[in-house]
N, C-alpha and C. Protein backbone atom coordinates (compact mmCIF):
# COMPACT_ATOMS: atom_id res chain seq x y z
N UNK A 1 30.83 16.24 -27.87
CA UNK A 1 31.38 17.07 -27.10
C UNK A 1 30.19 16.93 -25.99
N UNK A 2 30.70 17.00 -24.87
CA UNK A 2 29.42 16.61 -23.39
C UNK A 2 29.36 18.43 -22.99
N UNK A 3 28.25 18.44 -22.83
CA UNK A 3 27.95 19.92 -22.37
C UNK A 3 28.26 19.92 -20.81
N UNK A 4 29.00 20.90 -20.20
CA UNK A 4 28.98 20.40 -18.48
C UNK A 4 27.70 20.85 -17.60
N UNK A 5 26.89 21.83 -18.49
CA UNK A 5 25.80 22.20 -17.43
C UNK A 5 24.84 20.99 -17.83
N UNK A 6 24.81 19.99 -18.61
CA UNK A 6 23.82 18.80 -18.66
C UNK A 6 23.81 17.92 -17.58
N UNK A 7 22.70 17.72 -16.78
CA UNK A 7 23.04 16.94 -15.37
C UNK A 7 23.49 15.45 -16.13
N UNK A 8 24.20 14.79 -14.99
CA UNK A 8 24.41 13.43 -15.47
C UNK A 8 23.57 12.58 -14.87
N UNK A 9 23.58 11.36 -15.63
CA UNK A 9 22.73 10.39 -15.57
C UNK A 9 23.28 9.43 -14.53
N UNK A 10 22.63 8.41 -13.94
CA UNK A 10 23.03 7.37 -13.30
C UNK A 10 23.71 6.25 -14.55
N UNK A 11 22.72 6.15 -15.59
CA UNK A 11 23.38 5.52 -16.57
C UNK A 11 24.12 5.85 -17.57
N UNK A 12 24.93 5.08 -18.33
CA UNK A 12 25.54 5.72 -19.36
C UNK A 12 24.67 4.99 -20.76
N UNK A 13 24.70 5.87 -21.85
CA UNK A 13 24.41 4.85 -23.15
C UNK A 13 25.17 4.92 -24.10
N UNK A 14 25.61 3.75 -24.36
CA UNK A 14 26.64 3.15 -25.28
C UNK A 14 25.67 3.34 -26.66
N UNK A 15 26.28 3.95 -27.46
CA UNK A 15 25.51 3.71 -29.15
C UNK A 15 25.57 2.38 -30.10
N UNK A 16 26.46 1.62 -29.48
CA UNK A 16 26.73 0.63 -30.41
C UNK A 16 26.35 -0.87 -29.43
N UNK A 17 25.62 -0.11 -28.24
CA UNK A 17 25.16 -1.48 -27.48
C UNK A 17 24.16 -1.05 -26.71
N UNK A 18 23.24 -1.66 -26.67
CA UNK A 18 21.75 -1.55 -26.00
C UNK A 18 22.23 -1.79 -24.31
N UNK A 19 23.21 -2.05 -23.87
CA UNK A 19 23.53 -2.38 -22.40
C UNK A 19 23.22 -1.29 -21.59
N UNK A 20 22.92 -1.15 -20.49
CA UNK A 20 22.63 -0.28 -19.42
C UNK A 20 23.92 -0.36 -18.75
N UNK A 21 24.89 0.30 -18.12
CA UNK A 21 25.90 0.04 -17.19
C UNK A 21 25.35 0.72 -15.79
N UNK A 22 25.52 -0.02 -14.62
CA UNK A 22 25.02 0.08 -13.00
C UNK A 22 26.22 0.79 -12.90
N UNK A 23 25.72 2.14 -12.33
CA UNK A 23 26.82 3.08 -11.64
C UNK A 23 27.09 2.39 -9.77
N UNK A 24 26.02 2.27 -9.16
CA UNK A 24 26.16 1.91 -8.28
C UNK A 24 25.76 0.46 -7.89
N UNK A 25 26.31 -0.72 -7.33
CA UNK A 25 25.90 -1.98 -7.40
C UNK A 25 24.74 -1.92 -6.18
N UNK A 26 23.84 -3.19 -6.49
CA UNK A 26 22.78 -3.25 -5.61
C UNK A 26 23.24 -3.62 -3.97
N UNK A 27 22.51 -3.06 -3.13
CA UNK A 27 22.94 -3.77 -1.69
C UNK A 27 22.17 -4.88 -1.72
N UNK A 28 23.59 -5.78 -0.78
CA UNK A 28 22.85 -7.24 -0.49
C UNK A 28 22.23 -7.34 0.61
N UNK A 29 21.17 -8.46 0.63
CA UNK A 29 20.15 -8.64 1.85
C UNK A 29 21.06 -8.72 3.25
N UNK A 30 20.02 -8.18 3.99
CA UNK A 30 20.50 -8.38 5.37
C UNK A 30 20.78 -9.88 5.84
N UNK A 31 21.75 -10.28 6.29
CA UNK A 31 22.32 -11.72 6.78
C UNK A 31 21.30 -12.29 7.99
N UNK A 32 20.35 -11.27 8.85
CA UNK A 32 19.64 -11.71 9.68
C UNK A 32 18.17 -11.95 9.12
N UNK A 33 18.08 -11.71 7.37
CA UNK A 33 16.91 -11.90 7.13
C UNK A 33 16.50 -13.60 6.57
N UNK A 34 15.61 -14.06 6.68
CA UNK A 34 15.77 -15.53 6.37
C UNK A 34 15.11 -15.36 4.99
N UNK A 35 15.12 -16.91 4.59
CA UNK A 35 14.82 -17.62 3.29
C UNK A 35 13.38 -18.24 3.23
N UNK A 36 12.67 -17.17 2.38
CA UNK A 36 11.53 -17.91 2.34
C UNK A 36 11.59 -18.57 0.65
N UNK A 37 11.79 -20.11 0.95
CA UNK A 37 11.85 -21.08 -0.41
C UNK A 37 10.57 -21.21 -0.95
N UNK A 38 9.46 -20.39 -1.14
CA UNK A 38 8.19 -20.81 -1.81
C UNK A 38 8.23 -20.60 -3.02
N UNK A 39 7.38 -21.13 -4.00
CA UNK A 39 7.05 -21.35 -5.18
C UNK A 39 5.59 -21.14 -5.36
N UNK A 40 5.59 -21.12 -6.87
CA UNK A 40 4.22 -20.83 -7.14
C UNK A 40 3.18 -22.10 -7.55
N UNK A 41 2.44 -22.67 -6.71
CA UNK A 41 1.82 -23.92 -7.13
C UNK A 41 0.76 -23.93 -8.04
N UNK A 42 0.44 -22.70 -7.84
CA UNK A 42 -0.86 -23.00 -9.18
C UNK A 42 -1.19 -21.12 -9.35
N UNK A 43 -1.48 -20.77 -11.08
CA UNK A 43 -1.42 -19.39 -11.20
C UNK A 43 -2.52 -19.34 -12.24
N UNK A 44 -3.76 -18.27 -12.28
CA UNK A 44 -4.56 -18.31 -13.60
C UNK A 44 -4.72 -16.79 -13.43
N UNK A 45 -5.51 -16.82 -14.56
CA UNK A 45 -5.84 -15.57 -14.73
C UNK A 45 -7.41 -15.44 -14.81
N UNK A 46 -8.28 -14.73 -14.28
CA UNK A 46 -10.01 -14.83 -14.34
C UNK A 46 -10.39 -13.33 -14.62
N UNK A 47 -10.91 -12.98 -16.01
CA UNK A 47 -11.22 -11.66 -16.42
C UNK A 47 -10.37 -10.63 -16.13
N UNK A 48 -9.06 -10.70 -16.55
CA UNK A 48 -7.60 -9.71 -15.87
C UNK A 48 -7.22 -10.03 -14.82
N UNK A 49 -7.89 -10.59 -13.93
CA UNK A 49 -7.53 -10.82 -12.09
C UNK A 49 -6.44 -11.84 -12.34
N UNK A 50 -5.00 -11.75 -12.21
CA UNK A 50 -4.17 -12.89 -12.08
C UNK A 50 -4.15 -12.72 -10.15
N UNK A 51 -4.08 -14.31 -10.27
CA UNK A 51 -4.29 -14.79 -8.68
C UNK A 51 -3.65 -16.38 -8.89
N UNK A 52 -3.16 -16.78 -7.67
CA UNK A 52 -2.70 -18.22 -7.05
C UNK A 52 -2.60 -18.59 -6.10
N UNK A 53 -1.87 -19.50 -5.68
CA UNK A 53 -1.52 -19.80 -4.51
C UNK A 53 -0.14 -20.26 -4.79
N UNK A 54 0.58 -20.25 -3.42
CA UNK A 54 2.14 -20.49 -3.35
C UNK A 54 1.94 -21.58 -2.70
N UNK A 55 3.01 -22.46 -2.77
CA UNK A 55 3.57 -23.87 -1.98
C UNK A 55 3.49 -23.95 -0.66
N UNK A 56 3.27 -22.88 0.11
CA UNK A 56 2.69 -23.16 1.51
C UNK A 56 1.13 -22.76 1.39
N UNK A 57 0.34 -22.79 0.59
CA UNK A 57 -0.97 -22.67 0.50
C UNK A 57 -1.70 -21.02 0.69
N UNK A 58 -0.76 -20.13 0.70
CA UNK A 58 -1.08 -18.73 0.94
C UNK A 58 -1.16 -17.93 -0.36
N UNK A 59 -2.72 -17.78 -0.70
CA UNK A 59 -3.45 -17.00 -1.99
C UNK A 59 -2.58 -15.83 -1.88
N UNK A 60 -2.55 -15.24 -3.30
CA UNK A 60 -2.12 -14.01 -3.87
C UNK A 60 -2.49 -13.39 -4.98
N UNK A 61 -2.54 -12.41 -5.00
CA UNK A 61 -3.05 -11.57 -6.39
C UNK A 61 -1.73 -10.97 -7.09
N UNK A 62 -1.84 -11.22 -8.18
CA UNK A 62 -0.73 -10.22 -9.01
C UNK A 62 -0.61 -9.06 -9.29
N UNK A 63 0.17 -8.72 -9.41
CA UNK A 63 0.43 -7.09 -9.49
C UNK A 63 -0.91 -6.21 -10.24
N UNK A 64 -0.71 -6.75 -11.37
CA UNK A 64 -1.81 -6.48 -12.36
C UNK A 64 -3.21 -6.86 -11.81
N UNK A 65 -3.60 -7.73 -11.13
CA UNK A 65 -4.89 -8.19 -10.65
C UNK A 65 -4.77 -7.66 -9.23
N UNK A 66 -3.92 -7.05 -8.51
CA UNK A 66 -4.52 -6.48 -7.42
C UNK A 66 -5.08 -5.07 -8.04
N UNK A 67 -4.16 -4.23 -8.93
CA UNK A 67 -4.56 -3.02 -9.88
C UNK A 67 -6.05 -2.76 -10.23
N UNK A 68 -6.04 -4.17 -10.97
CA UNK A 68 -7.57 -3.96 -11.52
C UNK A 68 -8.98 -4.27 -10.86
N UNK A 69 -8.51 -4.77 -9.63
CA UNK A 69 -9.37 -5.20 -8.37
C UNK A 69 -9.55 -3.96 -7.47
N UNK A 70 -8.42 -2.88 -7.42
CA UNK A 70 -8.68 -1.93 -6.59
C UNK A 70 -9.35 -1.04 -7.43
N UNK A 71 -9.20 -0.99 -9.06
CA UNK A 71 -9.85 0.20 -9.93
C UNK A 71 -11.40 -0.17 -9.39
N UNK A 72 -11.52 -1.82 -9.95
CA UNK A 72 -12.85 -1.74 -9.98
C UNK A 72 -13.54 -1.41 -8.30
N UNK A 73 -13.07 -1.61 -7.50
CA UNK A 73 -13.33 -1.02 -6.11
C UNK A 73 -13.80 0.27 -5.66
N UNK A 74 -12.96 0.92 -6.64
CA UNK A 74 -12.82 2.32 -6.57
C UNK A 74 -13.94 2.78 -7.12
N UNK A 75 -14.15 2.28 -8.79
CA UNK A 75 -15.45 2.75 -9.32
C UNK A 75 -16.66 2.28 -8.85
N UNK A 76 -16.91 1.40 -8.12
CA UNK A 76 -17.78 0.70 -7.05
C UNK A 76 -18.11 1.71 -6.20
N UNK A 77 -17.43 2.04 -5.36
CA UNK A 77 -17.51 3.12 -4.31
C UNK A 77 -17.45 4.29 -4.32
N UNK A 78 -17.10 4.64 -5.75
CA UNK A 78 -17.10 6.45 -5.59
C UNK A 78 -18.18 6.94 -5.79
N UNK A 79 -19.26 6.44 -5.84
CA UNK A 79 -20.83 6.82 -6.12
C UNK A 79 -21.36 6.98 -4.45
N UNK A 80 -20.72 6.14 -3.84
CA UNK A 80 -21.33 6.34 -2.43
C UNK A 80 -21.22 7.17 -1.23
N UNK A 81 -21.78 7.35 -0.66
CA UNK A 81 -21.79 8.55 0.04
C UNK A 81 -21.87 8.37 1.77
N UNK A 82 -20.77 8.73 2.42
CA UNK A 82 -20.92 8.28 3.86
C UNK A 82 -21.81 9.07 4.66
N UNK A 83 -22.42 8.53 5.50
CA UNK A 83 -23.28 9.27 6.41
C UNK A 83 -22.56 9.48 7.73
N UNK A 84 -22.71 10.36 8.24
CA UNK A 84 -21.77 10.77 9.02
C UNK A 84 -22.75 11.27 10.59
């Protein structure tokens, strides 16, 4: 029996299956949006920082690589004082 005071979830939990049912379908992209036909030409991880180069030559950091880089920068600059 479902308690009417319990808030409703956006997903349902089926005890017989681990599938999640989507209540609201995702929106499609705006037709004016262009298509970027890019792929990863090279990807590597050095000291826990993931990085690579896209097929058009654009360098990138992975999400984890960027997070690790940002955390390192925060630790490095947290002891600095700004002179005003």
